[in-house]
Amino acid sequence: MGAVRQIWLTPLSWVAWKIPGWPKRLMHSFHFTEKGSSFDMLSACEQTERKDLRQKYFRHALDEARHSGLFRQRVEEMGGLSSRLRSLEVGGTTSMHDVVEGQTLFERLGELEFLAFVYIAEAEAVEQFHIYQKLGLMDPETNDMMKRILKDEAFHVSYSRAELERYKKEGRSKEVKQALRRVWRRRLGERWLIFANGIGDFVSSCMLTVLYVLFMAPGCLLSRMAPGGLNPPVTDSRTLAQLARSQG
């Protein structure tokens, strides 16, 4: 999508694929993204009034569902899900990702802005996957899978861009530009929220670690040094039974 994006995406991609366990996490996140996208495209297929786009939306939905399965399969081939990722998957499969207050993404955006969203999201995905290939980050199996997926993604970018050009030729060039800007701003805000959430998790983990080291650990050590340690006081069960009978 642009040289500026590639400047920061290239080093981040390299780091993400070099940290142990992160390639599997990437595959898992792509699995969820593609799954949510398939829901979005199915809702668009149902709600659009254009028959020509209905066919393209349906093909797009099938592609995304297949991609989701490929990424999920690759996770298993990489060793399967950790307990944390498995808990996220169980919690995330019961609802459509982009339904807000009963409205699907297509209903909230409308046809034109939805196409702008599809174009930008798919173009960014293609750019990201091409960077992975350019840097040689993926293992042979993942690289072969990505080549197959990129063929479908190229179609998604192509048809959504063609539809936006069609709107421009109909004299709605200003609306198209405004829709693209709104999508850019929204995605930028989403990235900031994800980044801020990550920072919050990191800071919370650090604070909990410090609290444990300063307070919990010394307390446990002192209690172990006390007579009896952490064992509960021994009581005479016969005495308790007699007390219960006397109160009865």
C-alpha atoms as a PDB file:
ATOM      1  CA  MET A   1       0.000   0.000   0.000  1.00  0.00           C
ATOM      2  CA  GLY A   2       2.919   2.347   0.467  1.00  0.00           C
ATOM      3  CA  ALA A   3       6.605   2.751   1.183  1.00  0.00           C
ATOM      4  CA  VAL A   4       5.964   4.209   4.644  1.00  0.00           C
ATOM      5  CA  ARG A   5       4.009   1.147   5.743  1.00  0.00           C
ATOM      6  CA  GLN A   6       6.698  -1.172   4.440  1.00  0.00           C
ATOM      7  CA  ILE A   7       9.354   0.705   6.444  1.00  0.00           C
ATOM      8  CA  TRP A   8       7.852  -0.351   9.767  1.00  0.00           C
ATOM      9  CA  LEU A   9       6.204  -3.578   8.598  1.00  0.00           C
ATOM     10  CA  THR A  10       9.453  -5.124   7.326  1.00  0.00           C
ATOM     11  CA  PRO A  11      11.402  -5.110  10.634  1.00  0.00           C
ATOM     12  CA  LEU A  12       8.288  -6.049  12.632  1.00  0.00           C
ATOM     13  CA  SER A  13       7.688  -9.007  10.336  1.00  0.00           C
ATOM     14  CA  TRP A  14      11.265 -10.174  10.726  1.00  0.00           C
ATOM     15  CA  VAL A  15      11.062  -9.958  14.528  1.00  0.00           C
ATOM     16  CA  ALA A  16       7.687 -11.732  14.641  1.00  0.00           C
ATOM     17  CA  TRP A  17       8.975 -14.726  12.701  1.00  0.00           C
ATOM     18  CA  LYS A  18      12.186 -15.002  14.723  1.00  0.00           C
ATOM     19  CA  ILE A  19      10.610 -15.114  18.203  1.00  0.00           C
ATOM     20  CA  PRO A  20       9.979 -18.754  19.205  1.00  0.00           C
ATOM     21  CA  GLY A  21       6.287 -19.617  19.029  1.00  0.00           C
ATOM     22  CA  TRP A  22       5.251 -16.450  17.226  1.00  0.00           C
ATOM     23  CA  PRO A  23       4.889 -17.935  13.715  1.00  0.00           C
ATOM     24  CA  LYS A  24       2.235 -20.239  15.146  1.00  0.00           C
ATOM     25  CA  ARG A  25       0.525 -17.284  16.810  1.00  0.00           C
ATOM     26  CA  LEU A  26       0.533 -15.452  13.471  1.00  0.00           C
ATOM     27  CA  MET A  27      -1.070 -18.421  11.742  1.00  0.00           C
ATOM     28  CA  HIS A  28      -3.704 -18.527  14.478  1.00  0.00           C
ATOM     29  CA  SER A  29      -4.469 -14.810  14.177  1.00  0.00           C
ATOM     30  CA  PHE A  30      -4.775 -15.154  10.380  1.00  0.00           C
ATOM     31  CA  HIS A  31      -7.160 -18.067  10.937  1.00  0.00           C
ATOM     32  CA  PHE A  32      -9.429 -15.860  13.052  1.00  0.00           C
ATOM     33  CA  THR A  33      -9.184 -12.904  10.660  1.00  0.00           C
ATOM     34  CA  GLU A  34     -10.130 -15.010   7.649  1.00  0.00           C
ATOM     35  CA  LYS A  35     -12.968 -16.640   9.547  1.00  0.00           C
ATOM     36  CA  GLY A  36     -14.411 -13.270  10.537  1.00  0.00           C
ATOM     37  CA  SER A  37     -13.999 -12.039   6.955  1.00  0.00           C
ATOM     38  CA  SER A  38     -15.962 -15.010   5.626  1.00  0.00           C
ATOM     39  CA  PHE A  39     -18.876 -13.996   7.889  1.00  0.00           C
ATOM     40  CA  ASP A  40     -18.657 -10.416   6.636  1.00  0.00           C
ATOM     41  CA  MET A  41     -18.724 -11.502   3.000  1.00  0.00           C
ATOM     42  CA  LEU A  42     -21.669 -13.846   3.540  1.00  0.00           C
ATOM     43  CA  SER A  43     -23.676 -11.048   5.133  1.00  0.00           C
ATOM     44  CA  ALA A  44     -22.763  -8.759   2.218  1.00  0.00           C
ATOM     45  CA  CYS A  45     -23.834 -11.484  -0.225  1.00  0.00           C
ATOM     46  CA  GLU A  46     -27.216 -11.650   1.491  1.00  0.00           C
ATOM     47  CA  GLN A  47     -27.806  -7.906   1.817  1.00  0.00           C
ATOM     48  CA  THR A  48     -26.455  -6.426  -1.412  1.00  0.00           C
ATOM     49  CA  GLU A  49     -28.979  -5.445  -4.079  1.00  0.00           C
ATOM     50  CA  ARG A  50     -26.513  -6.003  -6.920  1.00  0.00           C
ATOM     51  CA  LYS A  51     -26.652  -9.503  -8.412  1.00  0.00           C
ATOM     52  CA  ASP A  52     -23.230  -9.154 -10.063  1.00  0.00           C
ATOM     53  CA  LEU A  53     -21.601  -8.352  -6.710  1.00  0.00           C
ATOM     54  CA  ARG A  54     -23.533 -11.087  -4.920  1.00  0.00           C
ATOM     55  CA  GLN A  55     -21.637 -13.702  -6.904  1.00  0.00           C
ATOM     56  CA  LYS A  56     -18.270 -12.079  -6.156  1.00  0.00           C
ATOM     57  CA  TYR A  57     -19.075 -11.722  -2.459  1.00  0.00           C
ATOM     58  CA  PHE A  58     -20.041 -15.389  -2.290  1.00  0.00           C
ATOM     59  CA  ARG A  59     -16.815 -16.492  -3.980  1.00  0.00           C
ATOM     60  CA  HIS A  60     -14.886 -14.224  -1.626  1.00  0.00           C
ATOM     61  CA  ALA A  61     -16.638 -15.784   1.386  1.00  0.00           C
ATOM     62  CA  LEU A  62     -15.743 -19.299   0.218  1.00  0.00           C
ATOM     63  CA  ASP A  63     -12.121 -18.240  -0.293  1.00  0.00           C
ATOM     64  CA  GLU A  64     -11.884 -16.773   3.192  1.00  0.00           C
ATOM     65  CA  ALA A  65     -13.436 -19.855   4.801  1.00  0.00           C
ATOM     66  CA  ARG A  66     -10.937 -22.062   2.971  1.00  0.00           C
ATOM     67  CA  HIS A  67      -8.033 -19.802   4.003  1.00  0.00           C
ATOM     68  CA  SER A  68      -9.179 -19.976   7.612  1.00  0.00           C
ATOM     69  CA  GLY A  69      -9.060 -23.759   7.448  1.00  0.00           C
ATOM     70  CA  LEU A  70      -5.594 -23.728   5.882  1.00  0.00           C
ATOM     71  CA  PHE A  71      -4.201 -21.460   8.595  1.00  0.00           C
ATOM     72  CA  ARG A  72      -5.837 -23.554  11.310  1.00  0.00           C
ATOM     73  CA  GLN A  73      -4.365 -26.707   9.808  1.00  0.00           C
ATOM     74  CA  ARG A  74      -0.933 -25.087   9.689  1.00  0.00           C
ATOM     75  CA  VAL A  75      -1.215 -24.295  13.405  1.00  0.00           C
ATOM     76  CA  GLU A  76      -1.761 -27.978  14.114  1.00  0.00           C
ATOM     77  CA  GLU A  77       1.188 -28.922  11.907  1.00  0.00           C
ATOM     78  CA  MET A  78       3.345 -26.494  13.879  1.00  0.00           C
ATOM     79  CA  GLY A  79       2.552 -28.278  17.118  1.00  0.00           C
ATOM     80  CA  GLY A  80      -1.021 -27.313  17.916  1.00  0.00           C
ATOM     81  CA  LEU A  81      -2.503 -24.630  20.109  1.00  0.00           C
ATOM     82  CA  SER A  82      -1.221 -23.639  23.508  1.00  0.00           C
ATOM     83  CA  SER A  83      -3.755 -23.655  26.344  1.00  0.00           C
ATOM     84  CA  ARG A  84      -4.022 -19.858  26.104  1.00  0.00           C
ATOM     85  CA  LEU A  85      -4.711 -19.845  22.352  1.00  0.00           C
ATOM     86  CA  ARG A  86      -7.165 -22.709  22.750  1.00  0.00           C
ATOM     87  CA  SER A  87      -9.143 -20.748  25.349  1.00  0.00           C
ATOM     88  CA  LEU A  88      -9.255 -17.757  22.982  1.00  0.00           C
ATOM     89  CA  GLU A  89     -10.486 -19.952  20.154  1.00  0.00           C
ATOM     90  CA  VAL A  90     -13.264 -21.467  22.265  1.00  0.00           C
ATOM     91  CA  GLY A  91     -14.399 -18.001  23.311  1.00  0.00           C
ATOM     92  CA  GLY A  92     -14.138 -16.482  19.854  1.00  0.00           C
ATOM     93  CA  THR A  93     -15.949 -18.987  17.667  1.00  0.00           C
ATOM     94  CA  THR A  94     -19.436 -18.444  19.039  1.00  0.00           C
ATOM     95  CA  SER A  95     -20.047 -14.966  17.608  1.00  0.00           C
ATOM     96  CA  MET A  96     -19.517 -13.044  14.409  1.00  0.00           C
ATOM     97  CA  HIS A  97     -16.539 -10.729  14.857  1.00  0.00           C
ATOM     98  CA  ASP A  98     -17.999  -7.618  13.221  1.00  0.00           C
ATOM     99  CA  VAL A  99     -21.592  -7.591  14.473  1.00  0.00           C
ATOM    100  CA  VAL A 100     -22.088  -4.463  16.566  1.00  0.00           C
ATOM    101  CA  GLU A 101     -25.454  -3.737  18.181  1.00  0.00           C
ATOM    102  CA  GLY A 102     -27.138  -6.234  15.869  1.00  0.00           C
ATOM    103  CA  GLN A 103     -25.712  -4.731  12.675  1.00  0.00           C
ATOM    104  CA  THR A 104     -23.228  -6.431  10.374  1.00  0.00           C
ATOM    105  CA  LEU A 105     -20.256  -4.606   8.881  1.00  0.00           C
ATOM    106  CA  PHE A 106     -22.048  -4.249   5.548  1.00  0.00           C
ATOM    107  CA  GLU A 107     -25.109  -2.714   7.218  1.00  0.00           C
ATOM    108  CA  ARG A 108     -23.005  -0.187   9.128  1.00  0.00           C
ATOM    109  CA  LEU A 109     -20.859   0.872   6.184  1.00  0.00           C
ATOM    110  CA  GLY A 110     -23.084   0.560   3.155  1.00  0.00           C
ATOM    111  CA  GLU A 111     -22.032  -0.852  -0.227  1.00  0.00           C
ATOM    112  CA  LEU A 112     -19.480   1.770  -1.267  1.00  0.00           C
ATOM    113  CA  GLU A 113     -17.602   2.021   2.026  1.00  0.00           C
ATOM    114  CA  PHE A 114     -17.737  -1.749   2.464  1.00  0.00           C
ATOM    115  CA  LEU A 115     -15.962  -2.136  -0.897  1.00  0.00           C
ATOM    116  CA  ALA A 116     -13.393   0.446   0.224  1.00  0.00           C
ATOM    117  CA  PHE A 117     -12.849  -1.596   3.374  1.00  0.00           C
ATOM    118  CA  VAL A 118     -12.444  -4.822   1.383  1.00  0.00           C
ATOM    119  CA  TYR A 119      -9.971  -3.204  -1.000  1.00  0.00           C
ATOM    120  CA  ILE A 120      -7.762  -1.726   1.740  1.00  0.00           C
ATOM    121  CA  ALA A 121      -7.858  -4.803   3.989  1.00  0.00           C
ATOM    122  CA  GLU A 122      -7.072  -7.220   1.157  1.00  0.00           C
ATOM    123  CA  ALA A 123      -4.340  -5.001  -0.327  1.00  0.00           C
ATOM    124  CA  GLU A 124      -2.669  -4.732   3.074  1.00  0.00           C
ATOM    125  CA  ALA A 125      -2.823  -8.506   3.530  1.00  0.00           C
ATOM    126  CA  VAL A 126      -1.231  -9.070   0.119  1.00  0.00           C
ATOM    127  CA  GLU A 127       1.513  -6.577   0.952  1.00  0.00           C
ATOM    128  CA  GLN A 128       2.179  -8.235   4.309  1.00  0.00           C
ATOM    129  CA  PHE A 129       2.372 -11.741   2.822  1.00  0.00           C
ATOM    130  CA  HIS A 130       4.684 -10.532   0.048  1.00  0.00           C
ATOM    131  CA  ILE A 131       7.039  -9.105   2.684  1.00  0.00           C
ATOM    132  CA  TYR A 132       7.141 -12.503   4.384  1.00  0.00           C
ATOM    133  CA  GLN A 133       8.115 -14.048   1.056  1.00  0.00           C
ATOM    134  CA  LYS A 134      10.645 -11.348   0.195  1.00  0.00           C
ATOM    135  CA  LEU A 135      12.458 -11.766   3.511  1.00  0.00           C
ATOM    136  CA  GLY A 136      12.377 -15.572   3.245  1.00  0.00           C
ATOM    137  CA  LEU A 137      10.798 -15.852   6.688  1.00  0.00           C
ATOM    138  CA  MET A 138       8.438 -18.755   6.091  1.00  0.00           C
ATOM    139  CA  ASP A 139       9.286 -22.423   6.090  1.00  0.00           C
ATOM    140  CA  PRO A 140       8.683 -24.279   2.773  1.00  0.00           C
ATOM    141  CA  GLU A 141       5.280 -25.688   3.797  1.00  0.00           C
ATOM    142  CA  THR A 142       3.957 -22.312   4.956  1.00  0.00           C
ATOM    143  CA  ASN A 143       5.392 -20.607   1.872  1.00  0.00           C
ATOM    144  CA  ASP A 144       3.608 -23.039  -0.467  1.00  0.00           C
ATOM    145  CA  MET A 145       0.348 -22.492   1.393  1.00  0.00           C
ATOM    146  CA  MET A 146       0.783 -18.718   1.192  1.00  0.00           C
ATOM    147  CA  LYS A 147       1.329 -18.858  -2.575  1.00  0.00           C
ATOM    148  CA  ARG A 148      -2.044 -20.533  -3.011  1.00  0.00           C
ATOM    149  CA  ILE A 149      -3.736 -18.008  -0.745  1.00  0.00           C
ATOM    150  CA  LEU A 150      -2.159 -15.041  -2.512  1.00  0.00           C
ATOM    151  CA  LYS A 151      -3.792 -16.064  -5.803  1.00  0.00           C
ATOM    152  CA  ASP A 152      -7.209 -15.657  -4.176  1.00  0.00           C
ATOM    153  CA  GLU A 153      -6.203 -12.433  -2.428  1.00  0.00           C
ATOM    154  CA  ALA A 154      -5.141 -10.950  -5.774  1.00  0.00           C
ATOM    155  CA  PHE A 155      -8.685 -11.523  -7.062  1.00  0.00           C
ATOM    156  CA  HIS A 156     -10.173  -9.886  -3.972  1.00  0.00           C
ATOM    157  CA  VAL A 157      -8.030  -6.783  -4.477  1.00  0.00           C
ATOM    158  CA  SER A 158      -8.781  -6.714  -8.201  1.00  0.00           C
ATOM    159  CA  TYR A 159     -12.579  -6.884  -8.046  1.00  0.00           C
ATOM    160  CA  SER A 160     -12.918  -4.427  -5.138  1.00  0.00           C
ATOM    161  CA  ARG A 161     -10.625  -1.921  -6.867  1.00  0.00           C
ATOM    162  CA  ALA A 162     -12.582  -2.321 -10.111  1.00  0.00           C
ATOM    163  CA  GLU A 163     -15.846  -1.616  -8.293  1.00  0.00           C
ATOM    164  CA  LEU A 164     -14.414   1.529  -6.711  1.00  0.00           C
ATOM    165  CA  GLU A 165     -13.265   2.672 -10.159  1.00  0.00           C
ATOM    166  CA  ARG A 166     -16.773   2.013 -11.422  1.00  0.00           C
ATOM    167  CA  TYR A 167     -18.188   4.345  -8.773  1.00  0.00           C
ATOM    168  CA  LYS A 168     -15.682   7.006  -9.816  1.00  0.00           C
ATOM    169  CA  LYS A 169     -16.767   6.753 -13.451  1.00  0.00           C
ATOM    170  CA  GLU A 170     -20.368   7.228 -12.323  1.00  0.00           C
ATOM    171  CA  GLY A 171     -19.395  10.650 -10.942  1.00  0.00           C
ATOM    172  CA  ARG A 172     -18.965   9.591  -7.314  1.00  0.00           C
ATOM    173  CA  SER A 173     -15.209  10.089  -7.129  1.00  0.00           C
ATOM    174  CA  LYS A 174     -15.498  12.354  -4.089  1.00  0.00           C
ATOM    175  CA  GLU A 175     -17.564   9.749  -2.216  1.00  0.00           C
ATOM    176  CA  VAL A 176     -14.996   7.056  -3.007  1.00  0.00           C
ATOM    177  CA  LYS A 177     -12.144   9.196  -1.670  1.00  0.00           C
ATOM    178  CA  GLN A 178     -14.093  10.008   1.481  1.00  0.00           C
ATOM    179  CA  ALA A 179     -14.905   6.325   2.026  1.00  0.00           C
ATOM    180  CA  LEU A 180     -11.251   5.348   1.620  1.00  0.00           C
ATOM    181  CA  ARG A 181     -10.187   8.023   4.117  1.00  0.00           C
ATOM    182  CA  ARG A 182     -12.774   6.879   6.662  1.00  0.00           C
ATOM    183  CA  VAL A 183     -11.584   3.287   6.349  1.00  0.00           C
ATOM    184  CA  TRP A 184      -7.934   4.363   6.731  1.00  0.00           C
ATOM    185  CA  ARG A 185      -8.723   6.362   9.873  1.00  0.00           C
ATOM    186  CA  ARG A 186     -10.780   3.546  11.366  1.00  0.00           C
ATOM    187  CA  ARG A 187      -8.078   0.946  10.753  1.00  0.00           C
ATOM    188  CA  LEU A 188      -5.453   3.286  12.190  1.00  0.00           C
ATOM    189  CA  GLY A 189      -7.553   3.677  15.320  1.00  0.00           C
ATOM    190  CA  GLU A 190      -7.980  -0.092  15.592  1.00  0.00           C
ATOM    191  CA  ARG A 191      -4.227  -0.600  15.348  1.00  0.00           C
ATOM    192  CA  TRP A 192      -3.673   1.948  18.095  1.00  0.00           C
ATOM    193  CA  LEU A 193      -6.178   0.170  20.351  1.00  0.00           C
ATOM    194  CA  ILE A 194      -4.455  -3.165  19.733  1.00  0.00           C
ATOM    195  CA  PHE A 195      -1.074  -1.601  20.488  1.00  0.00           C
ATOM    196  CA  ALA A 196      -2.389   0.110  23.627  1.00  0.00           C
ATOM    197  CA  ASN A 197      -3.994  -3.128  24.796  1.00  0.00           C
ATOM    198  CA  GLY A 198      -0.682  -4.937  24.335  1.00  0.00           C
ATOM    199  CA  ILE A 199       1.164  -2.255  26.289  1.00  0.00           C
ATOM    200  CA  GLY A 200      -1.454  -2.460  29.028  1.00  0.00           C
ATOM    201  CA  ASP A 201      -1.039  -6.232  29.300  1.00  0.00           C
ATOM    202  CA  PHE A 202       2.749  -5.863  29.477  1.00  0.00           C
ATOM    203  CA  VAL A 203       2.617  -3.153  32.158  1.00  0.00           C
ATOM    204  CA  SER A 204       0.066  -5.142  34.187  1.00  0.00           C
ATOM    205  CA  SER A 205       2.280  -8.235  34.053  1.00  0.00           C
ATOM    206  CA  CYS A 206       5.290  -6.207  35.216  1.00  0.00           C
ATOM    207  CA  MET A 207       3.343  -4.649  38.099  1.00  0.00           C
ATOM    208  CA  LEU A 208       2.002  -8.008  39.256  1.00  0.00           C
ATOM    209  CA  THR A 209       5.508  -9.460  39.127  1.00  0.00           C
ATOM    210  CA  VAL A 210       6.886  -6.578  41.208  1.00  0.00           C
ATOM    211  CA  LEU A 211       4.068  -6.923  43.754  1.00  0.00           C
ATOM    212  CA  TYR A 212       4.721 -10.630  44.065  1.00  0.00           C
ATOM    213  CA  VAL A 213       8.472 -10.159  44.553  1.00  0.00           C
ATOM    214  CA  LEU A 214       8.067  -7.332  47.099  1.00  0.00           C
ATOM    215  CA  PHE A 215       5.152  -8.626  49.140  1.00  0.00           C
ATOM    216  CA  MET A 216       3.932 -12.135  48.392  1.00  0.00           C
ATOM    217  CA  ALA A 217       7.283 -13.916  48.175  1.00  0.00           C
ATOM    218  CA  PRO A 218       8.658 -12.480  51.480  1.00  0.00           C
ATOM    219  CA  GLY A 219       5.357 -13.251  53.198  1.00  0.00           C
ATOM    220  CA  CYS A 220       5.457 -16.876  52.047  1.00  0.00           C
ATOM    221  CA  LEU A 221       9.081 -17.165  53.171  1.00  0.00           C
ATOM    222  CA  LEU A 222       8.342 -15.769  56.630  1.00  0.00           C
ATOM    223  CA  SER A 223       5.320 -18.024  57.074  1.00  0.00           C
ATOM    224  CA  ARG A 224       7.437 -21.071  56.253  1.00  0.00           C
ATOM    225  CA  MET A 225       9.975 -19.998  58.873  1.00  0.00           C
ATOM    226  CA  ALA A 226       7.270 -19.742  61.557  1.00  0.00           C
ATOM    227  CA  PRO A 227       6.468 -22.758  63.794  1.00  0.00           C
ATOM    228  CA  GLY A 228       4.266 -25.122  61.892  1.00  0.00           C
ATOM    229  CA  GLY A 229       4.902 -23.373  58.602  1.00  0.00           C
ATOM    230  CA  LEU A 230       1.871 -23.158  56.345  1.00  0.00           C
ATOM    231  CA  ASN A 231       0.170 -26.198  57.906  1.00  0.00           C
ATOM    232  CA  PRO A 232      -3.220 -25.523  59.509  1.00  0.00           C
ATOM    233  CA  PRO A 233      -3.478 -25.927  63.294  1.00  0.00           C
ATOM    234  CA  VAL A 234      -4.307 -29.452  64.422  1.00  0.00           C
ATOM    235  CA  THR A 235      -7.651 -29.775  66.198  1.00  0.00           C
ATOM    236  CA  ASP A 236      -9.063 -32.673  68.130  1.00  0.00           C
ATOM    237  CA  SER A 237     -11.981 -34.039  66.095  1.00  0.00           C
ATOM    238  CA  ARG A 238     -13.409 -35.687  69.208  1.00  0.00           C
ATOM    239  CA  THR A 239     -13.586 -32.354  70.955  1.00  0.00           C
ATOM    240  CA  LEU A 240     -15.413 -30.799  68.019  1.00  0.00           C
ATOM    241  CA  ALA A 241     -17.887 -33.692  67.930  1.00  0.00           C
ATOM    242  CA  GLN A 242     -18.581 -33.360  71.632  1.00  0.00           C
ATOM    243  CA  LEU A 243     -19.103 -29.631  71.205  1.00  0.00           C
ATOM    244  CA  ALA A 244     -21.574 -30.223  68.383  1.00  0.00           C
ATOM    245  CA  ARG A 245     -23.585 -32.689  70.493  1.00  0.00           C
ATOM    246  CA  SER A 246     -23.668 -30.340  73.437  1.00  0.00           C
ATOM    247  CA  GLN A 247     -25.052 -27.529  71.227  1.00  0.00           C
ATOM    248  CA  GLY A 248     -27.629 -29.861  69.747  1.00  0.00           C
END
